């Protein structure tokens, strides 16, 4: 958010359960990504989105073991799917999604 504030020229929206300490000029939209209904409710706020930087992550207490924990992977997968299921139809101008986590968070099987 700090980068986009400094760069200027872009509307920045921060999505999270808790309001960030510093918004750096971003507009805050509260949403729990675990809740598909909340994601659907927030989607109209993102109608003009062209880019998404997705940094949400659920981590279990034991970090390394959690990378292979099916429960942790399922939670992270569900959060991403809840948001994208709501966002894609609401933001037809969406061009790019950057995931700041890798397959350790979302799993690596295409069958999900």
N, C-alpha and C. Protein backbone atom coordinates (compact mmCIF):
# COMPACT_ATOMS: atom_id res chain seq x y z
N UNK A 1 0.84 -1.18 0.00
CA UNK A 1 0.00 0.00 0.00
C UNK A 1 0.88 1.24 0.00
N UNK A 2 1.97 1.15 0.72
CA UNK A 2 2.90 2.28 0.75
C UNK A 2 3.43 2.58 -0.65
N UNK A 3 3.78 1.53 -1.39
CA UNK A 3 4.29 1.70 -2.74
C UNK A 3 3.28 2.43 -3.63
N UNK A 4 2.03 2.00 -3.57
CA UNK A 4 1.02 2.60 -4.43
C UNK A 4 0.68 4.02 -4.02
N UNK A 5 0.78 4.31 -2.74
CA UNK A 5 0.58 5.69 -2.30
C UNK A 5 1.67 6.58 -2.90
N UNK A 6 2.91 6.11 -2.82
CA UNK A 6 4.03 6.91 -3.35
C UNK A 6 3.97 7.04 -4.86
N UNK A 7 3.59 5.97 -5.54
CA UNK A 7 3.54 5.99 -7.00
C UNK A 7 2.41 6.86 -7.52
N UNK A 8 1.30 6.88 -6.78
CA UNK A 8 0.15 7.67 -7.20
C UNK A 8 -0.51 7.11 -8.45
N UNK A 9 -1.64 7.68 -8.80
CA UNK A 9 -2.33 7.30 -10.02
C UNK A 9 -3.19 6.06 -9.95
N UNK A 10 -3.27 5.43 -8.81
CA UNK A 10 -4.08 4.22 -8.70
C UNK A 10 -4.92 4.29 -7.44
N UNK A 11 -6.17 3.87 -7.56
CA UNK A 11 -7.00 3.73 -6.36
C UNK A 11 -6.59 2.41 -5.72
N UNK A 12 -6.29 2.45 -4.44
CA UNK A 12 -5.87 1.26 -3.73
C UNK A 12 -6.92 0.90 -2.69
N UNK A 13 -7.27 -0.37 -2.64
CA UNK A 13 -8.26 -0.87 -1.70
C UNK A 13 -7.61 -1.95 -0.84
N UNK A 14 -7.75 -1.85 0.46
CA UNK A 14 -7.22 -2.84 1.39
C UNK A 14 -8.37 -3.70 1.89
N UNK A 15 -8.29 -4.99 1.64
CA UNK A 15 -9.28 -5.96 2.13
C UNK A 15 -8.66 -6.74 3.27
N UNK A 16 -9.33 -6.78 4.41
CA UNK A 16 -8.85 -7.62 5.51
C UNK A 16 -9.90 -7.68 6.60
N UNK A 17 -9.76 -8.67 7.47
CA UNK A 17 -10.68 -8.76 8.60
C UNK A 17 -10.46 -7.61 9.55
N UNK A 18 -9.19 -7.29 9.77
CA UNK A 18 -8.86 -6.19 10.68
C UNK A 18 -8.30 -5.02 9.89
N UNK A 19 -8.66 -3.84 10.29
CA UNK A 19 -8.17 -2.65 9.61
C UNK A 19 -6.66 -2.53 9.82
N UNK A 20 -5.90 -2.35 8.73
CA UNK A 20 -4.45 -2.16 8.89
C UNK A 20 -4.13 -0.93 9.73
N UNK A 21 -3.00 -0.97 10.43
CA UNK A 21 -2.59 0.18 11.25
C UNK A 21 -2.40 1.42 10.40
N UNK A 22 -1.86 1.24 9.21
CA UNK A 22 -1.62 2.36 8.30
C UNK A 22 -2.19 1.99 6.94
N UNK A 23 -3.05 2.85 6.41
CA UNK A 23 -3.68 2.56 5.12
C UNK A 23 -2.93 3.17 3.93
N UNK A 24 -2.04 4.11 4.17
CA UNK A 24 -1.27 4.73 3.10
C UNK A 24 -2.18 5.19 1.95
N UNK A 25 -3.27 5.80 2.31
CA UNK A 25 -4.19 6.34 1.31
C UNK A 25 -5.17 5.34 0.72
N UNK A 26 -5.08 4.08 1.11
CA UNK A 26 -5.99 3.06 0.58
C UNK A 26 -7.36 3.18 1.24
N UNK A 27 -8.35 2.75 0.52
CA UNK A 27 -9.70 2.64 1.08
C UNK A 27 -9.80 1.25 1.69
N UNK A 28 -10.36 1.18 2.90
CA UNK A 28 -10.45 -0.09 3.63
C UNK A 28 -11.83 -0.71 3.43
N UNK A 29 -11.85 -1.99 3.08
CA UNK A 29 -13.09 -2.77 2.98
C UNK A 29 -12.93 -3.98 3.89
N UNK A 30 -13.71 -4.05 4.97
CA UNK A 30 -13.59 -5.19 5.87
C UNK A 30 -14.23 -6.44 5.27
N UNK A 31 -13.50 -7.54 5.30
CA UNK A 31 -14.04 -8.80 4.79
C UNK A 31 -13.24 -9.96 5.40
N UNK A 32 -13.95 -11.00 5.77
CA UNK A 32 -13.32 -12.24 6.23
C UNK A 32 -13.32 -13.18 5.03
N UNK A 33 -12.18 -13.48 4.48
CA UNK A 33 -12.08 -14.30 3.29
C UNK A 33 -12.54 -15.73 3.51
N UNK A 34 -12.66 -16.14 4.76
CA UNK A 34 -13.20 -17.48 5.06
C UNK A 34 -14.71 -17.54 4.83
N UNK A 35 -15.34 -16.38 4.72
CA UNK A 35 -16.78 -16.29 4.61
C UNK A 35 -17.16 -15.91 3.17
N UNK A 36 -17.65 -16.86 2.41
CA UNK A 36 -17.99 -16.59 1.01
C UNK A 36 -19.07 -15.53 0.87
N UNK A 37 -20.00 -15.47 1.82
CA UNK A 37 -21.05 -14.45 1.76
C UNK A 37 -20.46 -13.04 1.94
N UNK A 38 -19.48 -12.91 2.84
CA UNK A 38 -18.83 -11.61 3.02
C UNK A 38 -18.06 -11.21 1.76
N UNK A 39 -17.43 -12.18 1.12
CA UNK A 39 -16.70 -11.88 -0.12
C UNK A 39 -17.68 -11.40 -1.20
N UNK A 40 -18.81 -12.07 -1.31
CA UNK A 40 -19.82 -11.66 -2.29
C UNK A 40 -20.35 -10.27 -1.97
N UNK A 41 -20.53 -9.99 -0.71
CA UNK A 41 -21.03 -8.68 -0.28
C UNK A 41 -20.01 -7.57 -0.57
N UNK A 42 -18.73 -7.87 -0.46
CA UNK A 42 -17.68 -6.88 -0.70
C UNK A 42 -17.37 -6.69 -2.18
N UNK A 43 -17.72 -7.65 -3.02
CA UNK A 43 -17.34 -7.63 -4.43
C UNK A 43 -17.74 -6.35 -5.16
N UNK A 44 -18.91 -5.79 -4.95
CA UNK A 44 -19.25 -4.55 -5.66
C UNK A 44 -18.29 -3.39 -5.36
N UNK A 45 -17.66 -3.43 -4.20
CA UNK A 45 -16.67 -2.40 -3.84
C UNK A 45 -15.43 -2.49 -4.72
N UNK A 46 -15.27 -3.62 -5.42
CA UNK A 46 -14.07 -3.87 -6.21
C UNK A 46 -14.37 -3.91 -7.71
N UNK A 47 -15.50 -3.37 -8.11
CA UNK A 47 -15.96 -3.46 -9.50
C UNK A 47 -14.96 -2.93 -10.51
N UNK A 48 -14.18 -1.94 -10.17
CA UNK A 48 -13.22 -1.37 -11.11
C UNK A 48 -11.82 -1.94 -11.00
N UNK A 49 -11.65 -3.00 -10.23
CA UNK A 49 -10.31 -3.54 -9.99
C UNK A 49 -9.67 -4.03 -11.28
N UNK A 50 -8.40 -3.68 -11.45
CA UNK A 50 -7.62 -4.18 -12.59
C UNK A 50 -6.50 -5.11 -12.13
N UNK A 51 -6.05 -4.94 -10.90
CA UNK A 51 -4.95 -5.74 -10.36
C UNK A 51 -5.27 -6.13 -8.92
N UNK A 52 -4.86 -7.33 -8.56
CA UNK A 52 -5.02 -7.81 -7.19
C UNK A 52 -3.67 -8.31 -6.70
N UNK A 53 -3.27 -7.82 -5.56
CA UNK A 53 -2.10 -8.37 -4.87
C UNK A 53 -2.66 -9.12 -3.67
N UNK A 54 -2.59 -10.44 -3.74
CA UNK A 54 -3.20 -11.29 -2.74
C UNK A 54 -2.13 -11.74 -1.76
N UNK A 55 -2.24 -11.27 -0.53
CA UNK A 55 -1.24 -11.59 0.49
C UNK A 55 -1.85 -12.29 1.70
N UNK A 56 -3.10 -12.69 1.61
CA UNK A 56 -3.75 -13.35 2.74
C UNK A 56 -3.11 -14.71 2.98
N UNK A 57 -3.01 -15.08 4.23
CA UNK A 57 -2.38 -16.35 4.58
C UNK A 57 -2.84 -16.80 5.95
N UNK A 58 -3.25 -18.06 6.03
CA UNK A 58 -3.51 -18.69 7.31
C UNK A 58 -2.33 -19.61 7.58
N UNK A 59 -1.73 -19.48 8.74
CA UNK A 59 -0.63 -20.36 9.12
C UNK A 59 -0.94 -21.04 10.44
N UNK A 60 -0.68 -22.32 10.50
CA UNK A 60 -0.84 -23.04 11.75
C UNK A 60 0.36 -22.71 12.65
N UNK A 61 0.25 -23.00 13.94
CA UNK A 61 1.32 -22.66 14.87
C UNK A 61 2.69 -23.22 14.51
N UNK A 62 2.75 -24.43 13.98
CA UNK A 62 4.02 -25.03 13.61
C UNK A 62 4.24 -24.78 12.12
N UNK A 63 4.94 -23.72 11.80
CA UNK A 63 5.06 -23.22 10.44
C UNK A 63 5.49 -24.27 9.42
N UNK A 64 6.59 -24.93 9.64
CA UNK A 64 7.13 -25.87 8.65
C UNK A 64 6.18 -27.05 8.44
N UNK A 65 5.69 -27.65 9.53
CA UNK A 65 4.75 -28.76 9.39
C UNK A 65 3.47 -28.30 8.71
N UNK A 66 3.08 -27.07 8.97
CA UNK A 66 1.86 -26.53 8.39
C UNK A 66 1.88 -26.46 6.89
N UNK A 67 3.06 -26.35 6.29
CA UNK A 67 3.17 -26.29 4.84
C UNK A 67 2.64 -27.55 4.17
N UNK A 68 2.65 -28.64 4.92
CA UNK A 68 2.16 -29.92 4.38
C UNK A 68 0.83 -30.33 5.01
N UNK A 69 0.30 -29.51 5.86
CA UNK A 69 -0.94 -29.83 6.58
C UNK A 69 -2.15 -29.62 5.67
N UNK A 70 -2.88 -30.68 5.35
CA UNK A 70 -4.04 -30.55 4.46
C UNK A 70 -5.08 -29.54 4.97
N UNK A 71 -5.23 -29.47 6.28
CA UNK A 71 -6.20 -28.52 6.86
C UNK A 71 -5.77 -27.07 6.58
N UNK A 72 -4.50 -26.78 6.78
CA UNK A 72 -4.01 -25.43 6.52
C UNK A 72 -4.12 -25.10 5.03
N UNK A 73 -3.77 -26.03 4.17
CA UNK A 73 -3.86 -25.83 2.73
C UNK A 73 -5.31 -25.59 2.34
N UNK A 74 -6.22 -26.36 2.92
CA UNK A 74 -7.64 -26.20 2.62
C UNK A 74 -8.14 -24.80 2.99
N UNK A 75 -7.74 -24.31 4.15
CA UNK A 75 -8.17 -22.98 4.58
C UNK A 75 -7.65 -21.91 3.61
N UNK A 76 -6.38 -21.99 3.26
CA UNK A 76 -5.81 -21.01 2.33
C UNK A 76 -6.45 -21.10 0.95
N UNK A 77 -6.68 -22.32 0.50
CA UNK A 77 -7.34 -22.53 -0.78
C UNK A 77 -8.74 -21.93 -0.76
N UNK A 78 -9.47 -22.18 0.31
CA UNK A 78 -10.85 -21.68 0.43
C UNK A 78 -10.89 -20.15 0.45
N UNK A 79 -9.97 -19.52 1.17
CA UNK A 79 -9.95 -18.05 1.21
C UNK A 79 -9.74 -17.47 -0.18
N UNK A 80 -8.78 -18.02 -0.91
CA UNK A 80 -8.51 -17.53 -2.26
C UNK A 80 -9.70 -17.79 -3.17
N UNK A 81 -10.26 -18.97 -3.11
CA UNK A 81 -11.42 -19.29 -3.96
C UNK A 81 -12.63 -18.42 -3.62
N UNK A 82 -12.88 -18.18 -2.34
CA UNK A 82 -14.01 -17.32 -1.95
C UNK A 82 -13.87 -15.94 -2.57
N UNK A 83 -12.66 -15.37 -2.47
CA UNK A 83 -12.46 -14.04 -3.03
C UNK A 83 -12.58 -14.05 -4.55
N UNK A 84 -11.91 -14.98 -5.21
CA UNK A 84 -11.90 -14.97 -6.67
C UNK A 84 -13.29 -15.30 -7.24
N UNK A 85 -14.04 -16.17 -6.58
CA UNK A 85 -15.39 -16.49 -7.03
C UNK A 85 -16.27 -15.25 -7.03
N UNK A 86 -16.08 -14.39 -6.05
CA UNK A 86 -16.87 -13.15 -5.97
C UNK A 86 -16.28 -12.06 -6.85
N UNK A 87 -14.96 -11.99 -6.94
CA UNK A 87 -14.31 -10.88 -7.64
C UNK A 87 -14.39 -10.99 -9.15
N UNK A 88 -14.18 -12.14 -9.72
CA UNK A 88 -14.12 -12.27 -11.18
C UNK A 88 -15.38 -11.75 -11.86
N UNK A 89 -16.58 -12.13 -11.45
CA UNK A 89 -17.76 -11.57 -12.12
C UNK A 89 -17.98 -10.08 -11.81
N UNK A 90 -17.53 -9.63 -10.65
CA UNK A 90 -17.77 -8.24 -10.24
C UNK A 90 -16.78 -7.27 -10.86
N UNK A 91 -15.61 -7.76 -11.28
CA UNK A 91 -14.55 -6.90 -11.80
C UNK A 91 -14.13 -7.36 -13.20
N UNK A 92 -14.92 -7.05 -14.21
CA UNK A 92 -14.60 -7.51 -15.56
C UNK A 92 -13.30 -6.92 -16.12
N UNK A 93 -12.78 -5.88 -15.49
CA UNK A 93 -11.53 -5.27 -15.96
C UNK A 93 -10.30 -5.88 -15.28
N UNK A 94 -10.49 -6.90 -14.44
CA UNK A 94 -9.37 -7.53 -13.75
C UNK A 94 -8.40 -8.11 -14.78
N UNK A 95 -7.13 -7.69 -14.68
CA UNK A 95 -6.12 -8.11 -15.65
C UNK A 95 -5.05 -9.01 -15.05
N UNK A 96 -4.74 -8.82 -13.76
CA UNK A 96 -3.60 -9.51 -13.18
C UNK A 96 -3.83 -9.80 -11.70
N UNK A 97 -3.44 -11.01 -11.29
CA UNK A 97 -3.50 -11.40 -9.88
C UNK A 97 -2.12 -11.88 -9.48
N UNK A 98 -1.54 -11.27 -8.47
CA UNK A 98 -0.24 -11.68 -7.94
C UNK A 98 -0.46 -12.35 -6.59
N UNK A 99 -0.01 -13.59 -6.46
CA UNK A 99 -0.11 -14.33 -5.20
C UNK A 99 1.22 -14.22 -4.48
N UNK A 100 1.20 -13.73 -3.25
CA UNK A 100 2.43 -13.59 -2.49
C UNK A 100 2.78 -14.84 -1.71
N UNK A 101 2.02 -15.88 -1.88
CA UNK A 101 2.32 -17.18 -1.27
C UNK A 101 2.44 -18.16 -2.42
N UNK A 102 2.98 -19.32 -2.16
CA UNK A 102 3.12 -20.30 -3.22
C UNK A 102 2.31 -21.54 -2.96
N UNK A 103 2.67 -22.63 -3.60
CA UNK A 103 1.89 -23.85 -3.46
C UNK A 103 1.93 -24.39 -2.03
N UNK A 104 2.88 -23.94 -1.24
CA UNK A 104 2.91 -24.39 0.15
C UNK A 104 1.66 -23.93 0.89
N UNK A 105 1.07 -22.83 0.46
CA UNK A 105 -0.12 -22.30 1.11
C UNK A 105 -1.40 -22.85 0.50
N UNK A 106 -1.44 -22.96 -0.82
CA UNK A 106 -2.69 -23.30 -1.50
C UNK A 106 -2.74 -24.73 -1.99
N UNK A 107 -1.66 -25.45 -1.88
CA UNK A 107 -1.61 -26.81 -2.38
C UNK A 107 -1.16 -26.81 -3.84
N UNK A 108 -0.76 -27.94 -4.32
CA UNK A 108 -0.21 -27.99 -5.68
C UNK A 108 -0.99 -28.90 -6.60
N UNK A 109 -2.10 -29.45 -6.15
CA UNK A 109 -2.86 -30.34 -7.01
C UNK A 109 -3.84 -29.53 -7.84
N UNK A 110 -3.97 -29.90 -9.09
CA UNK A 110 -4.91 -29.21 -9.96
C UNK A 110 -6.34 -29.68 -9.74
N UNK A 111 -6.51 -30.74 -8.97
CA UNK A 111 -7.85 -31.31 -8.74
C UNK A 111 -8.65 -30.50 -7.72
N UNK A 112 -8.07 -29.56 -7.06
CA UNK A 112 -8.79 -28.79 -6.05
C UNK A 112 -9.89 -28.00 -6.65
